[in-house]
């Protein structure tokens, strides 16, 4: 099959690939320090209030009005609801030093209707989230991610014993961390909150990235059987050249679909969808890149140094 595919020298450019990844990670860290990380109420505790309204409202104007009224930092997201054809909803998330009392709710509602008299704004629900609940949820997410990483290493170590499965598994997890760092950077740079949507994006990226990496490892293993005397770099170059088109097609198709969703959401002003689709696009792009240019390159570098030692 190698004769039918143009063989590209991936391994010869592995230092460039790894430097690009390192620069992206450094950019994420710098953005985190300079721009700050916005933690959702779901994780740090606070109040989430959902309102319905008619007509159109400005997300930024709503955010400023609510922040001035309750004297706290507020995040507002516009969304859809099923309470009526011309009725939409928005969610306000904020953290106060005291509970969001009925008196405060009434006062805020009056200010909203005063600013938007045609909107018929109504409070649908208000939930107070304790900081402890958010911490427990966050810890559970971290534990689940660690468990998934361990299972992944064990699975790859068992399935790819022929090509040093343990090292392949470890570098697959390192690649996943690389992808998750890019997703985190997308959230920070775009100003999105770290919330349950962040966890949903992470889980989605895990599936795509792991699948692409396993496909490439599988091709390396099969080619090693067919070409037992081939040099390691030659083997990896052939395997990546054979799987590159398939990996790119899958990623381009998925990213293209998400771009359409992003454009529609941007035109409609539905920020809750944008906070999912934009980081997902960044993560899928990073996953495609890392599967081809990071995981195999780390594995080749490690194997080469081990052989010399």
C-alpha atoms as a PDB file:
ATOM      1  CA  UNK A   1       0.000   0.000   0.000  1.00  0.00           C
ATOM      2  CA  UNK A   2       2.966   2.317   0.612  1.00  0.00           C
ATOM      3  CA  UNK A   3       3.641   2.460  -3.154  1.00  0.00           C
ATOM      4  CA  UNK A   4       0.220   4.054  -3.812  1.00  0.00           C
ATOM      5  CA  UNK A   5       0.680   6.881  -1.313  1.00  0.00           C
ATOM      6  CA  UNK A   6       3.060   9.820  -1.407  1.00  0.00           C
ATOM      7  CA  UNK A   7       5.321   9.302   1.593  1.00  0.00           C
ATOM      8  CA  UNK A   8       5.874  12.476   3.591  1.00  0.00           C
ATOM      9  CA  UNK A   9       8.760  12.988   5.990  1.00  0.00           C
ATOM     10  CA  UNK A  10       6.816  13.597   9.212  1.00  0.00           C
ATOM     11  CA  UNK A  11       9.613  12.407  11.469  1.00  0.00           C
ATOM     12  CA  UNK A  12      12.118  14.774   9.879  1.00  0.00           C
ATOM     13  CA  UNK A  13       9.949  17.686  10.991  1.00  0.00           C
ATOM     14  CA  UNK A  14       9.115  16.374  14.454  1.00  0.00           C
ATOM     15  CA  UNK A  15      11.058  19.114  16.246  1.00  0.00           C
ATOM     16  CA  UNK A  16       9.016  21.745  14.395  1.00  0.00           C
ATOM     17  CA  UNK A  17       5.759  19.989  15.302  1.00  0.00           C
ATOM     18  CA  UNK A  18       6.687  19.760  18.971  1.00  0.00           C
ATOM     19  CA  UNK A  19       7.814  23.408  19.099  1.00  0.00           C
ATOM     20  CA  UNK A  20       4.454  24.486  17.614  1.00  0.00           C
ATOM     21  CA  UNK A  21       2.635  22.526  20.319  1.00  0.00           C
ATOM     22  CA  UNK A  22       4.851  24.011  23.024  1.00  0.00           C
ATOM     23  CA  UNK A  23       4.130  27.534  21.731  1.00  0.00           C
ATOM     24  CA  UNK A  24       0.369  26.880  21.849  1.00  0.00           C
ATOM     25  CA  UNK A  25       0.626  25.656  25.437  1.00  0.00           C
ATOM     26  CA  UNK A  26       2.700  28.705  26.445  1.00  0.00           C
ATOM     27  CA  UNK A  27       0.122  30.961  24.740  1.00  0.00           C
ATOM     28  CA  UNK A  28      -2.636  29.307  26.781  1.00  0.00           C
ATOM     29  CA  UNK A  29      -0.720  29.838  30.024  1.00  0.00           C
ATOM     30  CA  UNK A  30      -0.012  33.485  29.192  1.00  0.00           C
ATOM     31  CA  UNK A  31      -3.667  34.087  28.301  1.00  0.00           C
ATOM     32  CA  UNK A  32      -4.707  32.539  31.619  1.00  0.00           C
ATOM     33  CA  UNK A  33      -2.445  34.870  33.605  1.00  0.00           C
ATOM     34  CA  UNK A  34      -3.178  38.007  31.570  1.00  0.00           C
ATOM     35  CA  UNK A  35      -6.911  37.599  30.878  1.00  0.00           C
ATOM     36  CA  UNK A  36      -7.827  35.498  33.905  1.00  0.00           C
ATOM     37  CA  UNK A  37      -9.949  32.359  34.095  1.00  0.00           C
ATOM     38  CA  UNK A  38     -13.690  32.753  34.560  1.00  0.00           C
ATOM     39  CA  UNK A  39     -15.037  30.006  36.819  1.00  0.00           C
ATOM     40  CA  UNK A  40     -18.740  29.224  36.531  1.00  0.00           C
ATOM     41  CA  UNK A  41     -21.195  29.448  39.403  1.00  0.00           C
ATOM     42  CA  UNK A  42     -21.566  25.673  39.020  1.00  0.00           C
ATOM     43  CA  UNK A  43     -18.031  25.287  40.393  1.00  0.00           C
ATOM     44  CA  UNK A  44     -17.570  28.242  42.768  1.00  0.00           C
ATOM     45  CA  UNK A  45     -21.139  28.579  44.059  1.00  0.00           C
ATOM     46  CA  UNK A  46     -23.666  31.392  43.661  1.00  0.00           C
ATOM     47  CA  UNK A  47     -27.083  32.022  42.121  1.00  0.00           C
ATOM     48  CA  UNK A  48     -28.496  31.092  38.721  1.00  0.00           C
ATOM     49  CA  UNK A  49     -31.716  32.934  37.813  1.00  0.00           C
ATOM     50  CA  UNK A  50     -33.681  32.254  34.625  1.00  0.00           C
ATOM     51  CA  UNK A  51     -36.078  34.810  33.131  1.00  0.00           C
ATOM     52  CA  UNK A  52     -38.474  34.811  30.173  1.00  0.00           C
ATOM     53  CA  UNK A  53     -39.099  37.842  27.987  1.00  0.00           C
ATOM     54  CA  UNK A  54     -40.785  38.894  24.760  1.00  0.00           C
ATOM     55  CA  UNK A  55     -39.194  40.767  21.886  1.00  0.00           C
ATOM     56  CA  UNK A  56     -35.464  41.426  21.743  1.00  0.00           C
ATOM     57  CA  UNK A  57     -32.930  42.428  24.368  1.00  0.00           C
ATOM     58  CA  UNK A  58     -29.200  43.104  24.355  1.00  0.00           C
ATOM     59  CA  UNK A  59     -27.079  40.617  26.254  1.00  0.00           C
ATOM     60  CA  UNK A  60     -24.507  43.278  27.167  1.00  0.00           C
ATOM     61  CA  UNK A  61     -27.176  45.763  28.284  1.00  0.00           C
ATOM     62  CA  UNK A  62     -28.849  43.098  30.422  1.00  0.00           C
ATOM     63  CA  UNK A  63     -25.539  42.161  31.991  1.00  0.00           C
ATOM     64  CA  UNK A  64     -24.739  45.797  32.864  1.00  0.00           C
ATOM     65  CA  UNK A  65     -28.235  46.481  34.242  1.00  0.00           C
ATOM     66  CA  UNK A  66     -28.265  43.399  36.485  1.00  0.00           C
ATOM     67  CA  UNK A  67     -24.682  44.014  37.663  1.00  0.00           C
ATOM     68  CA  UNK A  68     -25.512  47.617  38.613  1.00  0.00           C
ATOM     69  CA  UNK A  69     -28.710  46.565  40.392  1.00  0.00           C
ATOM     70  CA  UNK A  70     -27.300  43.764  42.560  1.00  0.00           C
ATOM     71  CA  UNK A  71     -23.761  45.216  42.719  1.00  0.00           C
ATOM     72  CA  UNK A  72     -21.987  42.027  41.658  1.00  0.00           C
ATOM     73  CA  UNK A  73     -20.268  40.527  38.622  1.00  0.00           C
ATOM     74  CA  UNK A  74     -22.868  38.909  36.380  1.00  0.00           C
ATOM     75  CA  UNK A  75     -22.809  36.567  33.402  1.00  0.00           C
ATOM     76  CA  UNK A  76     -25.860  36.614  31.116  1.00  0.00           C
ATOM     77  CA  UNK A  77     -26.647  34.030  28.451  1.00  0.00           C
ATOM     78  CA  UNK A  78     -29.521  34.254  26.000  1.00  0.00           C
ATOM     79  CA  UNK A  79     -31.339  31.038  25.115  1.00  0.00           C
ATOM     80  CA  UNK A  80     -34.572  29.538  23.837  1.00  0.00           C
ATOM     81  CA  UNK A  81     -37.595  28.399  25.799  1.00  0.00           C
ATOM     82  CA  UNK A  82     -40.906  26.682  25.067  1.00  0.00           C
ATOM     83  CA  UNK A  83     -43.184  29.052  26.961  1.00  0.00           C
ATOM     84  CA  UNK A  84     -44.412  30.747  23.779  1.00  0.00           C
ATOM     85  CA  UNK A  85     -43.647  31.416  20.139  1.00  0.00           C
ATOM     86  CA  UNK A  86     -42.304  34.939  20.695  1.00  0.00           C
ATOM     87  CA  UNK A  87     -40.936  34.267  24.158  1.00  0.00           C
ATOM     88  CA  UNK A  88     -37.267  33.667  24.833  1.00  0.00           C
ATOM     89  CA  UNK A  89     -35.254  33.244  27.989  1.00  0.00           C
ATOM     90  CA  UNK A  90     -32.015  34.427  29.483  1.00  0.00           C
ATOM     91  CA  UNK A  91     -29.998  33.154  32.418  1.00  0.00           C
ATOM     92  CA  UNK A  92     -28.151  35.397  34.864  1.00  0.00           C
ATOM     93  CA  UNK A  93     -25.365  33.854  36.949  1.00  0.00           C
ATOM     94  CA  UNK A  94     -23.774  35.743  39.829  1.00  0.00           C
ATOM     95  CA  UNK A  95     -22.160  35.249  43.207  1.00  0.00           C
ATOM     96  CA  UNK A  96     -23.281  37.279  46.246  1.00  0.00           C
ATOM     97  CA  UNK A  97     -22.072  37.462  49.832  1.00  0.00           C
ATOM     98  CA  UNK A  98     -25.638  36.675  50.932  1.00  0.00           C
ATOM     99  CA  UNK A  99     -28.578  34.626  49.571  1.00  0.00           C
ATOM    100  CA  UNK A 100     -30.573  36.069  46.670  1.00  0.00           C
ATOM    101  CA  UNK A 101     -33.641  36.916  48.785  1.00  0.00           C
ATOM    102  CA  UNK A 102     -37.221  37.353  47.573  1.00  0.00           C
ATOM    103  CA  UNK A 103     -36.898  41.090  48.140  1.00  0.00           C
ATOM    104  CA  UNK A 104     -33.790  41.256  45.941  1.00  0.00           C
ATOM    105  CA  UNK A 105     -35.536  39.160  43.288  1.00  0.00           C
ATOM    106  CA  UNK A 106     -38.525  41.527  43.235  1.00  0.00           C
ATOM    107  CA  UNK A 107     -36.288  44.591  43.085  1.00  0.00           C
ATOM    108  CA  UNK A 108     -34.280  43.190  40.182  1.00  0.00           C
ATOM    109  CA  UNK A 109     -37.433  42.166  38.319  1.00  0.00           C
ATOM    110  CA  UNK A 110     -38.844  45.692  38.696  1.00  0.00           C
ATOM    111  CA  UNK A 111     -35.645  47.207  37.304  1.00  0.00           C
ATOM    112  CA  UNK A 112     -35.681  44.809  34.357  1.00  0.00           C
ATOM    113  CA  UNK A 113     -39.295  45.588  33.466  1.00  0.00           C
ATOM    114  CA  UNK A 114     -38.620  49.287  33.939  1.00  0.00           C
ATOM    115  CA  UNK A 115     -35.813  49.090  31.397  1.00  0.00           C
ATOM    116  CA  UNK A 116     -37.756  46.773  29.060  1.00  0.00           C
ATOM    117  CA  UNK A 117     -41.463  47.600  29.543  1.00  0.00           C
ATOM    118  CA  UNK A 118     -42.438  45.778  26.340  1.00  0.00           C
ATOM    119  CA  UNK A 119     -40.527  42.651  27.312  1.00  0.00           C
ATOM    120  CA  UNK A 120     -42.910  41.361  29.995  1.00  0.00           C
ATOM    121  CA  UNK A 121     -39.922  39.880  31.820  1.00  0.00           C
ATOM    122  CA  UNK A 122     -40.834  37.114  34.266  1.00  0.00           C
ATOM    123  CA  UNK A 123     -38.692  35.151  36.719  1.00  0.00           C
ATOM    124  CA  UNK A 124     -38.950  31.456  35.809  1.00  0.00           C
ATOM    125  CA  UNK A 125     -36.685  30.036  38.508  1.00  0.00           C
ATOM    126  CA  UNK A 126     -33.845  30.939  40.840  1.00  0.00           C
ATOM    127  CA  UNK A 127     -31.399  28.417  42.288  1.00  0.00           C
ATOM    128  CA  UNK A 128     -28.708  28.968  44.899  1.00  0.00           C
ATOM    129  CA  UNK A 129     -25.678  26.705  44.509  1.00  0.00           C
ATOM    130  CA  UNK A 130     -23.449  26.133  47.529  1.00  0.00           C
ATOM    131  CA  UNK A 131     -19.673  26.378  46.941  1.00  0.00           C
ATOM    132  CA  UNK A 132     -19.277  22.897  48.420  1.00  0.00           C
ATOM    133  CA  UNK A 133     -21.582  21.421  45.754  1.00  0.00           C
ATOM    134  CA  UNK A 134     -19.524  23.013  42.996  1.00  0.00           C
ATOM    135  CA  UNK A 135     -16.278  21.687  44.460  1.00  0.00           C
ATOM    136  CA  UNK A 136     -17.705  18.171  44.737  1.00  0.00           C
ATOM    137  CA  UNK A 137     -18.840  18.295  41.105  1.00  0.00           C
ATOM    138  CA  UNK A 138     -15.420  19.540  39.971  1.00  0.00           C
ATOM    139  CA  UNK A 139     -13.601  16.841  41.964  1.00  0.00           C
ATOM    140  CA  UNK A 140     -15.845  14.157  40.457  1.00  0.00           C
ATOM    141  CA  UNK A 141     -14.989  15.433  36.974  1.00  0.00           C
ATOM    142  CA  UNK A 142     -11.255  15.304  37.734  1.00  0.00           C
ATOM    143  CA  UNK A 143     -11.525  11.782  39.179  1.00  0.00           C
ATOM    144  CA  UNK A 144     -13.458  10.635  36.105  1.00  0.00           C
ATOM    145  CA  UNK A 145     -10.794  12.121  33.806  1.00  0.00           C
ATOM    146  CA  UNK A 146      -7.960  10.411  35.732  1.00  0.00           C
ATOM    147  CA  UNK A 147      -9.811   7.087  35.648  1.00  0.00           C
ATOM    148  CA  UNK A 148     -10.351   7.447  31.887  1.00  0.00           C
ATOM    149  CA  UNK A 149      -6.628   8.161  31.382  1.00  0.00           C
ATOM    150  CA  UNK A 150      -5.624   5.038  33.339  1.00  0.00           C
ATOM    151  CA  UNK A 151      -8.064   2.864  31.384  1.00  0.00           C
ATOM    152  CA  UNK A 152      -6.752   4.318  28.118  1.00  0.00           C
ATOM    153  CA  UNK A 153      -3.125   3.550  29.008  1.00  0.00           C
ATOM    154  CA  UNK A 154      -4.010  -0.015  30.002  1.00  0.00           C
ATOM    155  CA  UNK A 155      -6.039  -0.575  26.825  1.00  0.00           C
ATOM    156  CA  UNK A 156      -3.343   0.734  24.467  1.00  0.00           C
ATOM    157  CA  UNK A 157      -0.625  -1.144  26.383  1.00  0.00           C
ATOM    158  CA  UNK A 158      -2.576  -4.391  25.912  1.00  0.00           C
ATOM    159  CA  UNK A 159      -3.631  -3.837  22.312  1.00  0.00           C
ATOM    160  CA  UNK A 160      -0.313  -2.535  20.994  1.00  0.00           C
ATOM    161  CA  UNK A 161       2.182  -4.727  22.850  1.00  0.00           C
ATOM    162  CA  UNK A 162       4.047  -5.250  19.575  1.00  0.00           C
ATOM    163  CA  UNK A 163       5.041  -1.563  19.399  1.00  0.00           C
ATOM    164  CA  UNK A 164       5.808  -0.969  23.093  1.00  0.00           C
ATOM    165  CA  UNK A 165       2.218  -0.468  24.186  1.00  0.00           C
ATOM    166  CA  UNK A 166       3.010   1.159  27.528  1.00  0.00           C
ATOM    167  CA  UNK A 167       4.910   4.035  25.944  1.00  0.00           C
ATOM    168  CA  UNK A 168       2.273   4.362  23.219  1.00  0.00           C
ATOM    169  CA  UNK A 169      -0.428   4.605  25.887  1.00  0.00           C
ATOM    170  CA  UNK A 170       1.437   7.198  27.934  1.00  0.00           C
ATOM    171  CA  UNK A 171       2.063   9.394  24.886  1.00  0.00           C
ATOM    172  CA  UNK A 172      -1.583   9.054  23.851  1.00  0.00           C
ATOM    173  CA  UNK A 173      -2.555  10.499  27.244  1.00  0.00           C
ATOM    174  CA  UNK A 174       0.080  13.246  26.908  1.00  0.00           C
ATOM    175  CA  UNK A 175      -1.467  14.084  23.546  1.00  0.00           C
ATOM    176  CA  UNK A 176      -4.903  14.281  25.150  1.00  0.00           C
ATOM    177  CA  UNK A 177      -3.544  16.706  27.749  1.00  0.00           C
ATOM    178  CA  UNK A 178      -2.183  18.782  24.863  1.00  0.00           C
ATOM    179  CA  UNK A 179      -5.644  18.872  23.244  1.00  0.00           C
ATOM    180  CA  UNK A 180      -7.382  19.728  26.515  1.00  0.00           C
ATOM    181  CA  UNK A 181      -4.914  22.566  27.065  1.00  0.00           C
ATOM    182  CA  UNK A 182      -5.887  23.996  23.668  1.00  0.00           C
ATOM    183  CA  UNK A 183      -9.584  23.702  24.572  1.00  0.00           C
ATOM    184  CA  UNK A 184      -8.904  25.452  27.882  1.00  0.00           C
ATOM    185  CA  UNK A 185      -7.074  28.195  25.997  1.00  0.00           C
ATOM    186  CA  UNK A 186     -10.054  28.658  23.674  1.00  0.00           C
ATOM    187  CA  UNK A 187     -12.349  29.137  26.686  1.00  0.00           C
ATOM    188  CA  UNK A 188      -9.976  31.668  28.265  1.00  0.00           C
ATOM    189  CA  UNK A 189      -9.251  33.683  25.101  1.00  0.00           C
ATOM    190  CA  UNK A 190     -12.935  33.816  24.095  1.00  0.00           C
ATOM    191  CA  UNK A 191     -13.953  34.812  27.625  1.00  0.00           C
ATOM    192  CA  UNK A 192     -16.187  31.775  28.196  1.00  0.00           C
ATOM    193  CA  UNK A 193     -16.774  30.438  31.698  1.00  0.00           C
ATOM    194  CA  UNK A 194     -15.350  27.111  32.828  1.00  0.00           C
ATOM    195  CA  UNK A 195     -18.571  25.199  33.464  1.00  0.00           C
ATOM    196  CA  UNK A 196     -20.391  21.974  32.584  1.00  0.00           C
ATOM    197  CA  UNK A 197     -20.116  22.911  28.892  1.00  0.00           C
ATOM    198  CA  UNK A 198     -16.330  22.803  29.307  1.00  0.00           C
ATOM    199  CA  UNK A 199     -16.605  19.244  30.630  1.00  0.00           C
ATOM    200  CA  UNK A 200     -18.889  18.287  27.714  1.00  0.00           C
ATOM    201  CA  UNK A 201     -16.363  19.643  25.200  1.00  0.00           C
ATOM    202  CA  UNK A 202     -13.553  17.759  26.936  1.00  0.00           C
ATOM    203  CA  UNK A 203     -15.426  14.447  26.781  1.00  0.00           C
ATOM    204  CA  UNK A 204     -16.201  14.988  23.089  1.00  0.00           C
ATOM    205  CA  UNK A 205     -12.580  15.796  22.272  1.00  0.00           C
ATOM    206  CA  UNK A 206     -11.390  12.738  24.215  1.00  0.00           C
ATOM    207  CA  UNK A 207     -13.449  10.505  21.949  1.00  0.00           C
ATOM    208  CA  UNK A 208     -12.284  12.044  18.672  1.00  0.00           C
ATOM    209  CA  UNK A 209      -8.617  12.405  19.586  1.00  0.00           C
ATOM    210  CA  UNK A 210      -8.269   8.925  21.079  1.00  0.00           C
ATOM    211  CA  UNK A 211      -9.926   7.346  18.050  1.00  0.00           C
ATOM    212  CA  UNK A 212      -7.556   9.073  15.601  1.00  0.00           C
ATOM    213  CA  UNK A 213      -4.499   8.175  17.681  1.00  0.00           C
ATOM    214  CA  UNK A 214      -5.513   4.518  17.956  1.00  0.00           C
ATOM    215  CA  UNK A 215      -6.075   4.308  14.182  1.00  0.00           C
ATOM    216  CA  UNK A 216      -2.522   5.573  13.616  1.00  0.00           C
ATOM    217  CA  UNK A 217      -1.010   3.208  16.191  1.00  0.00           C
ATOM    218  CA  UNK A 218      -2.904   0.345  14.563  1.00  0.00           C
ATOM    219  CA  UNK A 219      -1.458   1.195  11.154  1.00  0.00           C
ATOM    220  CA  UNK A 220       2.071   1.367  12.606  1.00  0.00           C
ATOM    221  CA  UNK A 221       1.587  -2.071  14.165  1.00  0.00           C
ATOM    222  CA  UNK A 222       0.293  -3.593  10.917  1.00  0.00           C
ATOM    223  CA  UNK A 223       3.093  -2.072   8.846  1.00  0.00           C
ATOM    224  CA  UNK A 224       5.648  -3.389  11.323  1.00  0.00           C
ATOM    225  CA  UNK A 225       4.374  -6.891  10.555  1.00  0.00           C
ATOM    226  CA  UNK A 226       4.646  -6.244   6.806  1.00  0.00           C
ATOM    227  CA  UNK A 227       8.030  -4.470   6.993  1.00  0.00           C
ATOM    228  CA  UNK A 228       9.892  -5.939   9.989  1.00  0.00           C
ATOM    229  CA  UNK A 229      13.270  -4.655   8.745  1.00  0.00           C
ATOM    230  CA  UNK A 230      12.143  -1.080   8.091  1.00  0.00           C
ATOM    231  CA  UNK A 231      13.689   1.769  10.067  1.00  0.00           C
ATOM    232  CA  UNK A 232      11.441   3.181  12.783  1.00  0.00           C
ATOM    233  CA  UNK A 233      11.205   6.643  11.197  1.00  0.00           C
ATOM    234  CA  UNK A 234      10.444   5.120   7.796  1.00  0.00           C
ATOM    235  CA  UNK A 235       7.746   2.938   9.343  1.00  0.00           C
ATOM    236  CA  UNK A 236       6.073   5.903  11.036  1.00  0.00           C
ATOM    237  CA  UNK A 237       6.319   8.107   7.930  1.00  0.00           C
ATOM    238  CA  UNK A 238       4.615   5.451   5.810  1.00  0.00           C
ATOM    239  CA  UNK A 239       1.916   4.814   8.413  1.00  0.00           C
ATOM    240  CA  UNK A 240       1.123   8.514   8.856  1.00  0.00           C
ATOM    241  CA  UNK A 241       1.057   9.092   5.098  1.00  0.00           C
ATOM    242  CA  UNK A 242      -1.431   6.245   4.716  1.00  0.00           C
ATOM    243  CA  UNK A 243      -3.759   7.447   7.470  1.00  0.00           C
ATOM    244  CA  UNK A 244      -3.429  11.216   6.959  1.00  0.00           C
ATOM    245  CA  UNK A 245      -6.158  11.531   4.323  1.00  0.00           C
ATOM    246  CA  UNK A 246      -8.662   9.592   6.411  1.00  0.00           C
ATOM    247  CA  UNK A 247      -7.872  11.605   9.553  1.00  0.00           C
ATOM    248  CA  UNK A 248      -8.099  14.941   7.734  1.00  0.00           C
ATOM    249  CA  UNK A 249     -11.373  14.066   6.017  1.00  0.00           C
ATOM    250  CA  UNK A 250     -13.010  13.053   9.286  1.00  0.00           C
ATOM    251  CA  UNK A 251     -11.855  16.195  11.063  1.00  0.00           C
ATOM    252  CA  UNK A 252     -12.729  18.579   8.215  1.00  0.00           C
ATOM    253  CA  UNK A 253     -16.235  17.119   7.950  1.00  0.00           C
ATOM    254  CA  UNK A 254     -16.885  17.472  11.680  1.00  0.00           C
ATOM    255  CA  UNK A 255     -15.297  20.914  11.991  1.00  0.00           C
ATOM    256  CA  UNK A 256     -17.234  22.080   8.924  1.00  0.00           C
ATOM    257  CA  UNK A 257     -20.509  21.047  10.540  1.00  0.00           C
ATOM    258  CA  UNK A 258     -19.575  22.846  13.757  1.00  0.00           C
ATOM    259  CA  UNK A 259     -18.660  25.981  11.783  1.00  0.00           C
ATOM    260  CA  UNK A 260     -22.177  26.053  10.341  1.00  0.00           C
ATOM    261  CA  UNK A 261     -23.608  25.694  13.859  1.00  0.00           C
ATOM    262  CA  UNK A 262     -21.317  28.480  15.088  1.00  0.00           C
ATOM    263  CA  UNK A 263     -22.341  30.875  12.316  1.00  0.00           C
ATOM    264  CA  UNK A 264     -26.055  30.226  12.903  1.00  0.00           C
ATOM    265  CA  UNK A 265     -25.606  30.671  16.668  1.00  0.00           C
ATOM    266  CA  UNK A 266     -23.659  33.909  16.163  1.00  0.00           C
ATOM    267  CA  UNK A 267     -26.350  35.322  13.870  1.00  0.00           C
ATOM    268  CA  UNK A 268     -29.087  34.259  16.307  1.00  0.00           C
ATOM    269  CA  UNK A 269     -27.166  35.603  19.295  1.00  0.00           C
ATOM    270  CA  UNK A 270     -27.302  32.304  21.220  1.00  0.00           C
ATOM    271  CA  UNK A 271     -24.106  32.552  23.283  1.00  0.00           C
ATOM    272  CA  UNK A 272     -24.725  29.259  25.089  1.00  0.00           C
ATOM    273  CA  UNK A 273     -24.138  27.392  21.810  1.00  0.00           C
ATOM    274  CA  UNK A 274     -21.080  29.476  20.938  1.00  0.00           C
ATOM    275  CA  UNK A 275     -19.428  28.525  24.237  1.00  0.00           C
ATOM    276  CA  UNK A 276     -19.700  24.896  23.095  1.00  0.00           C
ATOM    277  CA  UNK A 277     -19.040  25.088  19.353  1.00  0.00           C
ATOM    278  CA  UNK A 278     -16.015  27.430  19.275  1.00  0.00           C
ATOM    279  CA  UNK A 279     -13.898  25.488  21.835  1.00  0.00           C
ATOM    280  CA  UNK A 280     -15.022  22.243  20.175  1.00  0.00           C
ATOM    281  CA  UNK A 281     -13.702  23.469  16.821  1.00  0.00           C
ATOM    282  CA  UNK A 282     -10.399  24.415  18.474  1.00  0.00           C
ATOM    283  CA  UNK A 283     -10.223  21.047  20.238  1.00  0.00           C
ATOM    284  CA  UNK A 284     -11.019  19.000  17.132  1.00  0.00           C
ATOM    285  CA  UNK A 285      -8.422  20.889  15.114  1.00  0.00           C
ATOM    286  CA  UNK A 286      -5.865  20.333  17.879  1.00  0.00           C
ATOM    287  CA  UNK A 287      -6.869  16.664  18.106  1.00  0.00           C
ATOM    288  CA  UNK A 288      -6.325  16.119  14.390  1.00  0.00           C
ATOM    289  CA  UNK A 289      -2.937  17.855  14.560  1.00  0.00           C
ATOM    290  CA  UNK A 290      -1.788  16.035  17.688  1.00  0.00           C
ATOM    291  CA  UNK A 291      -2.829  12.607  16.397  1.00  0.00           C
ATOM    292  CA  UNK A 292      -0.686  13.083  13.295  1.00  0.00           C
ATOM    293  CA  UNK A 293       2.120  15.313  14.525  1.00  0.00           C
ATOM    294  CA  UNK A 294       2.462  14.974  18.305  1.00  0.00           C
ATOM    295  CA  UNK A 295       1.706  11.459  19.606  1.00  0.00           C
ATOM    296  CA  UNK A 296       3.708   9.592  16.897  1.00  0.00           C
ATOM    297  CA  UNK A 297       6.559  12.116  17.127  1.00  0.00           C
ATOM    298  CA  UNK A 298       6.847  11.760  20.907  1.00  0.00           C
ATOM    299  CA  UNK A 299       6.744   7.979  20.547  1.00  0.00           C
ATOM    300  CA  UNK A 300       9.434   7.967  17.820  1.00  0.00           C
ATOM    301  CA  UNK A 301      11.666  10.320  19.831  1.00  0.00           C
ATOM    302  CA  UNK A 302      11.376   8.141  22.935  1.00  0.00           C
ATOM    303  CA  UNK A 303      11.978   4.890  21.016  1.00  0.00           C
ATOM    304  CA  UNK A 304      14.988   6.361  19.200  1.00  0.00           C
ATOM    305  CA  UNK A 305      16.623   7.606  22.398  1.00  0.00           C
ATOM    306  CA  UNK A 306      15.914   4.326  24.164  1.00  0.00           C
ATOM    307  CA  UNK A 307      17.525   2.404  21.298  1.00  0.00           C
ATOM    308  CA  UNK A 308      20.641   4.604  21.409  1.00  0.00           C
ATOM    309  CA  UNK A 309      20.884   4.180  25.176  1.00  0.00           C
END
